[in-house]
N, C-alpha and C. Protein backbone atom coordinates (compact mmCIF):
# COMPACT_ATOMS: atom_id res chain seq x y z
N MET A 1 81.50 -85.30 69.36
CA MET A 1 80.25 -86.04 69.34
C MET A 1 80.21 -86.92 68.10
N PRO A 2 79.48 -87.97 68.16
CA PRO A 2 79.46 -88.89 67.01
C PRO A 2 78.52 -88.43 65.90
N ILE A 3 78.63 -89.17 64.81
CA ILE A 3 77.65 -89.02 63.75
C ILE A 3 76.36 -89.62 64.30
N ARG A 4 75.34 -88.82 64.43
CA ARG A 4 74.09 -89.26 65.03
C ARG A 4 73.19 -89.99 64.04
N LEU A 5 73.28 -89.58 62.76
CA LEU A 5 72.38 -90.17 61.78
C LEU A 5 72.96 -90.01 60.39
N CYS A 6 72.85 -91.06 59.60
CA CYS A 6 73.07 -90.99 58.16
C CYS A 6 71.71 -91.22 57.53
N ARG A 7 71.28 -90.31 56.70
CA ARG A 7 69.92 -90.38 56.14
C ARG A 7 69.97 -90.32 54.62
N ILE A 8 69.17 -91.17 53.99
CA ILE A 8 68.97 -91.11 52.54
C ILE A 8 67.59 -90.50 52.32
N ASP A 9 67.58 -89.34 51.69
CA ASP A 9 66.33 -88.62 51.43
C ASP A 9 66.51 -87.86 50.13
N ASP A 10 65.75 -88.23 49.10
CA ASP A 10 65.98 -87.63 47.79
C ASP A 10 65.60 -86.15 47.72
N ARG A 11 64.95 -85.62 48.75
CA ARG A 11 64.67 -84.18 48.80
C ARG A 11 65.85 -83.41 49.41
N LEU A 12 66.80 -84.13 49.95
CA LEU A 12 67.98 -83.56 50.61
C LEU A 12 67.56 -82.69 51.78
N ILE A 13 67.98 -81.45 51.84
CA ILE A 13 67.68 -80.61 53.01
C ILE A 13 66.30 -79.98 52.84
N HIS A 14 65.43 -80.24 53.82
CA HIS A 14 64.08 -79.69 53.84
C HIS A 14 63.60 -79.69 55.28
N GLY A 15 62.39 -79.24 55.51
CA GLY A 15 61.88 -79.07 56.87
C GLY A 15 61.91 -80.31 57.73
N GLN A 16 61.57 -81.46 57.18
CA GLN A 16 61.56 -82.69 57.96
C GLN A 16 62.95 -83.02 58.49
N VAL A 17 63.96 -82.77 57.69
CA VAL A 17 65.34 -83.02 58.12
C VAL A 17 65.77 -82.00 59.17
N VAL A 18 65.51 -80.73 58.88
CA VAL A 18 65.97 -79.65 59.77
C VAL A 18 65.14 -79.60 61.05
N LEU A 19 63.83 -79.55 60.93
CA LEU A 19 62.99 -79.40 62.11
C LEU A 19 62.75 -80.72 62.84
N GLY A 20 62.59 -81.79 62.10
CA GLY A 20 62.34 -83.08 62.72
C GLY A 20 63.60 -83.72 63.26
N TRP A 21 64.46 -84.14 62.38
CA TRP A 21 65.63 -84.92 62.79
C TRP A 21 66.70 -84.09 63.48
N ALA A 22 67.07 -82.96 62.91
CA ALA A 22 68.17 -82.18 63.50
C ALA A 22 67.83 -81.72 64.92
N ARG A 23 66.64 -81.22 65.11
CA ARG A 23 66.25 -80.77 66.46
C ARG A 23 66.15 -81.94 67.42
N ALA A 24 65.52 -83.01 67.00
CA ALA A 24 65.32 -84.16 67.89
C ALA A 24 66.64 -84.79 68.33
N LEU A 25 67.63 -84.76 67.46
CA LEU A 25 68.91 -85.40 67.76
C LEU A 25 69.98 -84.43 68.25
N GLY A 26 69.65 -83.17 68.39
CA GLY A 26 70.63 -82.19 68.85
C GLY A 26 71.76 -81.98 67.86
N ILE A 27 71.43 -82.00 66.58
CA ILE A 27 72.44 -81.88 65.52
C ILE A 27 72.99 -80.46 65.48
N GLY A 28 74.30 -80.36 65.30
CA GLY A 28 74.95 -79.07 65.12
C GLY A 28 75.46 -78.87 63.71
N ASP A 29 75.62 -79.97 62.96
CA ASP A 29 76.22 -79.90 61.62
C ASP A 29 75.48 -80.87 60.69
N ILE A 30 74.92 -80.32 59.63
CA ILE A 30 74.32 -81.15 58.57
C ILE A 30 75.34 -81.21 57.44
N VAL A 31 75.70 -82.42 57.06
CA VAL A 31 76.66 -82.62 55.98
C VAL A 31 75.92 -83.25 54.81
N LEU A 32 75.79 -82.50 53.72
CA LEU A 32 75.14 -83.00 52.51
C LEU A 32 76.23 -83.58 51.61
N VAL A 33 76.15 -84.87 51.37
CA VAL A 33 77.15 -85.56 50.55
C VAL A 33 76.55 -85.83 49.19
N ASP A 34 77.03 -85.11 48.19
CA ASP A 34 76.54 -85.26 46.83
C ASP A 34 77.59 -84.64 45.90
N ASP A 35 78.09 -85.42 44.97
CA ASP A 35 79.14 -84.93 44.08
C ASP A 35 78.68 -83.71 43.28
N ASP A 36 77.45 -83.73 42.77
CA ASP A 36 76.95 -82.62 41.96
C ASP A 36 76.72 -81.37 42.79
N VAL A 37 76.07 -81.50 43.94
CA VAL A 37 75.80 -80.33 44.78
C VAL A 37 77.10 -79.73 45.31
N ALA A 38 78.08 -80.57 45.62
CA ALA A 38 79.37 -80.07 46.11
C ALA A 38 80.06 -79.19 45.08
N ALA A 39 79.72 -79.37 43.81
CA ALA A 39 80.34 -78.59 42.73
C ALA A 39 79.46 -77.44 42.25
N SER A 40 78.33 -77.21 42.90
CA SER A 40 77.37 -76.22 42.41
C SER A 40 77.05 -75.18 43.49
N GLY A 41 77.62 -74.00 43.35
CA GLY A 41 77.38 -72.93 44.31
C GLY A 41 75.93 -72.52 44.41
N TRP A 42 75.23 -72.46 43.29
CA TRP A 42 73.83 -72.02 43.34
C TRP A 42 72.95 -73.04 44.06
N GLU A 43 73.23 -74.35 43.89
CA GLU A 43 72.46 -75.36 44.61
C GLU A 43 72.75 -75.28 46.11
N GLN A 44 74.00 -75.06 46.47
CA GLN A 44 74.35 -74.90 47.88
C GLN A 44 73.61 -73.72 48.49
N ASP A 45 73.56 -72.60 47.76
CA ASP A 45 72.84 -71.43 48.25
C ASP A 45 71.37 -71.75 48.47
N LEU A 46 70.79 -72.51 47.56
CA LEU A 46 69.39 -72.89 47.67
C LEU A 46 69.15 -73.72 48.94
N TYR A 47 70.00 -74.72 49.19
CA TYR A 47 69.83 -75.56 50.38
C TYR A 47 70.13 -74.80 51.66
N ARG A 48 71.07 -73.87 51.63
CA ARG A 48 71.38 -73.07 52.82
C ARG A 48 70.16 -72.30 53.31
N MET A 49 69.29 -71.90 52.39
CA MET A 49 68.11 -71.14 52.78
C MET A 49 67.18 -71.93 53.69
N ALA A 50 67.26 -73.26 53.66
CA ALA A 50 66.40 -74.10 54.49
C ALA A 50 67.00 -74.39 55.86
N VAL A 51 68.21 -73.90 56.11
CA VAL A 51 68.92 -74.22 57.35
C VAL A 51 69.00 -72.99 58.24
N PRO A 52 68.52 -73.09 59.48
CA PRO A 52 68.59 -71.93 60.38
C PRO A 52 70.05 -71.61 60.72
N PRO A 53 70.31 -70.36 61.10
CA PRO A 53 71.70 -69.93 61.32
C PRO A 53 72.42 -70.66 62.43
N GLU A 54 71.71 -71.26 63.37
CA GLU A 54 72.38 -71.97 64.46
C GLU A 54 72.93 -73.34 64.03
N LEU A 55 72.58 -73.78 62.84
CA LEU A 55 73.09 -75.05 62.33
C LEU A 55 74.16 -74.80 61.28
N LYS A 56 75.22 -75.55 61.39
CA LYS A 56 76.27 -75.52 60.38
C LYS A 56 75.83 -76.45 59.25
N VAL A 57 76.13 -76.09 58.02
CA VAL A 57 75.84 -76.97 56.89
C VAL A 57 77.08 -77.03 56.00
N GLU A 58 77.41 -78.24 55.58
CA GLU A 58 78.57 -78.45 54.72
C GLU A 58 78.13 -79.22 53.48
N PHE A 59 78.81 -78.96 52.37
CA PHE A 59 78.55 -79.64 51.11
C PHE A 59 79.85 -80.27 50.65
N VAL A 60 79.86 -81.60 50.58
CA VAL A 60 81.08 -82.30 50.22
C VAL A 60 80.77 -83.41 49.22
N ASP A 61 81.78 -83.78 48.45
CA ASP A 61 81.61 -84.94 47.57
C ASP A 61 81.93 -86.20 48.35
N VAL A 62 81.70 -87.34 47.73
CA VAL A 62 81.85 -88.62 48.44
C VAL A 62 83.28 -88.82 48.93
N GLU A 63 84.26 -88.53 48.11
CA GLU A 63 85.65 -88.74 48.53
C GLU A 63 86.03 -87.85 49.70
N GLN A 64 85.62 -86.60 49.68
CA GLN A 64 85.88 -85.71 50.82
C GLN A 64 85.21 -86.25 52.07
N ALA A 65 83.98 -86.70 51.92
CA ALA A 65 83.24 -87.23 53.07
C ALA A 65 83.91 -88.46 53.64
N ARG A 66 84.38 -89.37 52.79
CA ARG A 66 85.06 -90.58 53.27
C ARG A 66 86.30 -90.20 54.10
N ARG A 67 87.03 -89.21 53.65
CA ARG A 67 88.22 -88.77 54.39
C ARG A 67 87.86 -88.12 55.73
N ARG A 68 86.70 -87.46 55.77
CA ARG A 68 86.34 -86.69 56.97
C ARG A 68 85.49 -87.47 57.96
N LEU A 69 85.07 -88.68 57.64
CA LEU A 69 84.25 -89.46 58.58
C LEU A 69 84.87 -89.53 59.98
N PRO A 70 86.17 -89.85 60.12
CA PRO A 70 86.75 -89.91 61.48
C PRO A 70 86.67 -88.56 62.20
N GLU A 71 86.87 -87.48 61.48
CA GLU A 71 86.79 -86.13 62.07
C GLU A 71 85.38 -85.87 62.61
N TRP A 72 84.38 -86.19 61.82
CA TRP A 72 82.99 -85.97 62.27
C TRP A 72 82.64 -86.89 63.42
N GLU A 73 83.14 -88.10 63.39
CA GLU A 73 82.83 -89.07 64.45
C GLU A 73 83.40 -88.62 65.80
N SER A 74 84.53 -87.95 65.78
CA SER A 74 85.18 -87.57 67.04
C SER A 74 85.11 -86.07 67.32
N GLY A 75 84.43 -85.31 66.48
CA GLY A 75 84.38 -83.85 66.63
C GLY A 75 83.45 -83.40 67.74
N PRO A 76 83.39 -82.09 67.97
CA PRO A 76 82.62 -81.53 69.07
C PRO A 76 81.11 -81.42 68.81
N MET A 77 80.69 -81.54 67.53
CA MET A 77 79.27 -81.37 67.20
C MET A 77 78.64 -82.67 66.77
N ALA A 78 77.36 -82.83 67.09
CA ALA A 78 76.58 -83.96 66.58
C ALA A 78 76.33 -83.71 65.10
N VAL A 79 76.53 -84.76 64.29
CA VAL A 79 76.49 -84.62 62.84
C VAL A 79 75.38 -85.48 62.25
N LEU A 80 74.68 -84.91 61.26
CA LEU A 80 73.74 -85.64 60.44
C LEU A 80 74.30 -85.64 59.02
N ILE A 81 74.56 -86.83 58.50
CA ILE A 81 75.05 -86.96 57.12
C ILE A 81 73.87 -87.31 56.24
N LEU A 82 73.74 -86.59 55.14
CA LEU A 82 72.58 -86.71 54.27
C LEU A 82 73.01 -86.97 52.84
N THR A 83 72.42 -87.99 52.22
CA THR A 83 72.59 -88.23 50.79
C THR A 83 71.22 -88.33 50.15
N GLY A 84 71.17 -88.10 48.85
CA GLY A 84 69.91 -88.22 48.14
C GLY A 84 69.73 -89.56 47.45
N LYS A 85 70.81 -90.33 47.40
CA LYS A 85 70.77 -91.59 46.67
C LYS A 85 71.36 -92.73 47.49
N ILE A 86 70.78 -93.89 47.32
CA ILE A 86 71.28 -95.10 47.98
C ILE A 86 72.72 -95.37 47.56
N GLU A 87 72.99 -95.22 46.27
CA GLU A 87 74.33 -95.50 45.75
C GLU A 87 75.38 -94.60 46.38
N THR A 88 75.01 -93.34 46.63
CA THR A 88 75.95 -92.40 47.26
C THR A 88 76.27 -92.85 48.68
N MET A 89 75.25 -93.24 49.43
CA MET A 89 75.48 -93.71 50.80
C MET A 89 76.32 -94.98 50.79
N ALA A 90 76.07 -95.88 49.86
CA ALA A 90 76.84 -97.12 49.76
C ALA A 90 78.30 -96.81 49.46
N ARG A 91 78.56 -95.87 48.56
CA ARG A 91 79.94 -95.47 48.25
C ARG A 91 80.61 -94.84 49.46
N LEU A 92 79.86 -94.04 50.20
CA LEU A 92 80.40 -93.37 51.38
C LEU A 92 80.82 -94.36 52.46
N LEU A 93 79.98 -95.36 52.71
CA LEU A 93 80.21 -96.27 53.83
C LEU A 93 80.93 -97.56 53.45
N ALA A 94 81.30 -97.71 52.18
CA ALA A 94 81.99 -98.92 51.74
C ALA A 94 83.26 -99.13 52.55
N ASP A 95 83.38 -100.30 53.15
CA ASP A 95 84.58 -100.70 53.89
C ASP A 95 84.90 -99.82 55.09
N VAL A 96 83.92 -99.11 55.63
CA VAL A 96 84.14 -98.28 56.82
C VAL A 96 83.99 -99.17 58.05
N PRO A 97 85.04 -99.24 58.89
CA PRO A 97 84.88 -100.02 60.12
C PRO A 97 83.88 -99.31 61.06
N HIS A 98 83.01 -100.07 61.67
CA HIS A 98 82.00 -99.54 62.60
C HIS A 98 81.17 -98.42 61.97
N PRO A 99 80.50 -98.71 60.86
CA PRO A 99 79.72 -97.66 60.18
C PRO A 99 78.52 -97.22 61.01
N PRO A 100 78.15 -95.95 60.87
CA PRO A 100 76.95 -95.47 61.56
C PRO A 100 75.70 -96.07 60.91
N PRO A 101 74.58 -96.09 61.63
CA PRO A 101 73.35 -96.60 61.05
C PRO A 101 72.83 -95.67 59.95
N VAL A 102 72.03 -96.23 59.06
CA VAL A 102 71.45 -95.48 57.95
C VAL A 102 69.94 -95.47 58.09
N ASN A 103 69.37 -94.28 57.93
CA ASN A 103 67.93 -94.06 57.98
C ASN A 103 67.43 -93.79 56.57
N LEU A 104 66.41 -94.54 56.16
CA LEU A 104 65.74 -94.28 54.88
C LEU A 104 64.61 -93.32 55.16
N GLY A 105 64.67 -92.14 54.55
CA GLY A 105 63.65 -91.14 54.79
C GLY A 105 62.70 -91.05 53.64
N GLY A 106 62.89 -90.10 52.77
CA GLY A 106 62.02 -89.95 51.62
C GLY A 106 62.71 -90.45 50.37
N ILE A 107 62.32 -91.60 49.93
CA ILE A 107 62.80 -92.12 48.64
C ILE A 107 61.52 -92.30 47.83
N HIS A 108 61.29 -91.37 46.94
CA HIS A 108 59.97 -91.22 46.33
C HIS A 108 59.81 -91.98 45.02
N HIS A 109 58.56 -92.00 44.57
CA HIS A 109 58.19 -92.75 43.36
C HIS A 109 58.93 -92.24 42.13
N ARG A 110 59.31 -93.17 41.30
CA ARG A 110 59.76 -92.90 39.93
C ARG A 110 59.60 -94.21 39.18
N ASP A 111 59.72 -94.17 37.89
CA ASP A 111 59.52 -95.36 37.07
C ASP A 111 60.37 -96.53 37.57
N GLY A 112 59.73 -97.68 37.69
CA GLY A 112 60.42 -98.89 38.09
C GLY A 112 60.43 -99.15 39.59
N ARG A 113 60.07 -98.16 40.37
CA ARG A 113 60.04 -98.33 41.83
C ARG A 113 58.68 -98.81 42.30
N THR A 114 58.70 -99.58 43.38
CA THR A 114 57.49 -100.09 44.00
C THR A 114 57.37 -99.49 45.40
N GLU A 115 56.15 -99.16 45.80
CA GLU A 115 55.94 -98.62 47.15
C GLU A 115 56.24 -99.71 48.17
N ARG A 116 57.17 -99.42 49.07
CA ARG A 116 57.49 -100.32 50.18
C ARG A 116 56.88 -99.80 51.48
N LEU A 117 56.87 -98.49 51.60
CA LEU A 117 56.20 -97.74 52.67
C LEU A 117 55.67 -96.47 52.00
N PRO A 118 54.77 -95.74 52.63
CA PRO A 118 54.26 -94.53 51.98
C PRO A 118 55.35 -93.52 51.61
N TYR A 119 56.50 -93.59 52.23
CA TYR A 119 57.59 -92.65 51.97
C TYR A 119 58.84 -93.33 51.41
N VAL A 120 58.77 -94.62 51.10
CA VAL A 120 59.91 -95.34 50.53
C VAL A 120 59.45 -96.16 49.34
N TYR A 121 59.98 -95.81 48.18
CA TYR A 121 59.75 -96.55 46.95
C TYR A 121 61.10 -97.04 46.47
N LEU A 122 61.19 -98.32 46.15
CA LEU A 122 62.47 -98.92 45.75
C LEU A 122 62.29 -99.87 44.59
N THR A 123 63.31 -99.95 43.75
CA THR A 123 63.37 -101.03 42.78
C THR A 123 63.91 -102.26 43.50
N ASP A 124 63.76 -103.42 42.91
CA ASP A 124 64.34 -104.62 43.50
C ASP A 124 65.85 -104.49 43.60
N GLN A 125 66.48 -103.83 42.63
CA GLN A 125 67.93 -103.64 42.66
C GLN A 125 68.35 -102.72 43.80
N GLU A 126 67.57 -101.68 44.06
CA GLU A 126 67.87 -100.79 45.18
C GLU A 126 67.74 -101.52 46.50
N LEU A 127 66.69 -102.34 46.63
CA LEU A 127 66.52 -103.12 47.86
C LEU A 127 67.68 -104.09 48.03
N ALA A 128 68.12 -104.71 46.95
CA ALA A 128 69.28 -105.61 47.01
C ALA A 128 70.53 -104.84 47.44
N GLY A 129 70.70 -103.62 46.95
CA GLY A 129 71.83 -102.79 47.36
C GLY A 129 71.80 -102.46 48.83
N LEU A 130 70.61 -102.18 49.36
CA LEU A 130 70.47 -101.92 50.80
C LEU A 130 70.78 -103.18 51.60
N ARG A 131 70.37 -104.32 51.09
CA ARG A 131 70.69 -105.58 51.78
C ARG A 131 72.20 -105.83 51.79
N ARG A 132 72.88 -105.50 50.70
CA ARG A 132 74.35 -105.64 50.67
C ARG A 132 74.99 -104.71 51.70
N LEU A 133 74.46 -103.51 51.80
CA LEU A 133 74.96 -102.55 52.79
C LEU A 133 74.78 -103.12 54.19
N GLU A 134 73.61 -103.68 54.46
CA GLU A 134 73.34 -104.27 55.77
C GLU A 134 74.23 -105.48 56.04
N SER A 135 74.46 -106.30 55.02
CA SER A 135 75.32 -107.48 55.22
C SER A 135 76.78 -107.06 55.45
N ALA A 136 77.12 -105.84 55.06
CA ALA A 136 78.47 -105.32 55.31
C ALA A 136 78.58 -104.69 56.70
N GLY A 137 77.51 -104.76 57.49
CA GLY A 137 77.58 -104.28 58.87
C GLY A 137 76.88 -102.97 59.14
N VAL A 138 76.16 -102.42 58.15
CA VAL A 138 75.45 -101.16 58.34
C VAL A 138 74.01 -101.46 58.74
N ALA A 139 73.57 -100.92 59.86
CA ALA A 139 72.17 -101.06 60.28
C ALA A 139 71.34 -100.13 59.41
N VAL A 140 70.35 -100.67 58.70
CA VAL A 140 69.51 -99.89 57.80
C VAL A 140 68.06 -99.98 58.27
N ARG A 141 67.45 -98.82 58.53
CA ARG A 141 66.07 -98.75 58.97
C ARG A 141 65.36 -97.61 58.26
N ALA A 142 64.09 -97.77 58.01
CA ALA A 142 63.27 -96.71 57.44
C ALA A 142 62.47 -96.05 58.56
N GLU A 143 62.47 -94.73 58.58
CA GLU A 143 61.68 -93.97 59.56
C GLU A 143 61.59 -92.54 59.03
N ASP A 144 60.39 -92.10 58.72
CA ASP A 144 60.27 -90.78 58.11
C ASP A 144 60.50 -89.64 59.09
N VAL A 145 59.95 -89.76 60.30
CA VAL A 145 60.16 -88.73 61.32
C VAL A 145 60.51 -89.42 62.64
N PRO A 146 61.23 -88.72 63.51
CA PRO A 146 61.60 -89.33 64.78
C PRO A 146 60.39 -89.81 65.56
N GLY A 147 60.49 -91.02 66.08
CA GLY A 147 59.43 -91.57 66.90
C GLY A 147 58.30 -92.24 66.12
N ALA A 148 58.38 -92.24 64.79
CA ALA A 148 57.32 -92.84 63.99
C ALA A 148 57.39 -94.36 63.99
N GLY A 149 58.50 -94.90 64.44
CA GLY A 149 58.68 -96.34 64.44
C GLY A 149 59.53 -96.78 63.27
N ALA A 150 60.69 -97.30 63.56
CA ALA A 150 61.61 -97.74 62.51
C ALA A 150 61.16 -99.07 61.93
N VAL A 151 61.39 -99.23 60.63
CA VAL A 151 61.07 -100.46 59.92
C VAL A 151 62.36 -101.00 59.32
N GLY A 152 62.69 -102.25 59.63
CA GLY A 152 63.88 -102.87 59.08
C GLY A 152 63.67 -103.27 57.63
N LEU A 153 64.75 -103.68 56.99
CA LEU A 153 64.66 -104.08 55.58
C LEU A 153 63.70 -105.23 55.36
N GLU A 154 63.55 -106.10 56.35
CA GLU A 154 62.61 -107.22 56.18
C GLU A 154 61.18 -106.70 56.02
N GLY A 155 60.89 -105.54 56.53
CA GLY A 155 59.57 -104.94 56.37
C GLY A 155 59.36 -104.24 55.05
N LEU A 156 60.40 -104.20 54.23
CA LEU A 156 60.30 -103.52 52.93
C LEU A 156 60.19 -104.48 51.76
N ALA A 157 60.25 -105.77 52.04
CA ALA A 157 60.26 -106.77 50.95
C ALA A 157 58.96 -106.83 50.21
């Protein structure tokens, strides 16, 4: 089954991802791509607690994920790839032929960010990075929960 969704959500694994997206898309494997979490057993244990036993969860760094993209794309389970940062997703999908679409989920307020949607706050540089990703062939849309209505980058300006 293909990669069903690539999501950027700074909360990483939480109820909205597991109950909303994973169930709605028939996900069998959640792949959390984060260099720091991939190296931290205690953080992995913390995130595993949010995942029901019927779902597989993997923790990989960006380089491991880049190597495994073809495996996930052609494997037997529907996959949700999750990053907490725009930069991580951009590194993951750089130069990938036929990249999967990217969903902007929860990118929350911090200094320098402007509210673009109630659940997406971005700096101008982050928005420019998302536009570069889109110009490289990646479809980028914001949607907090399935069926809420996707918003393209033009709606975030």
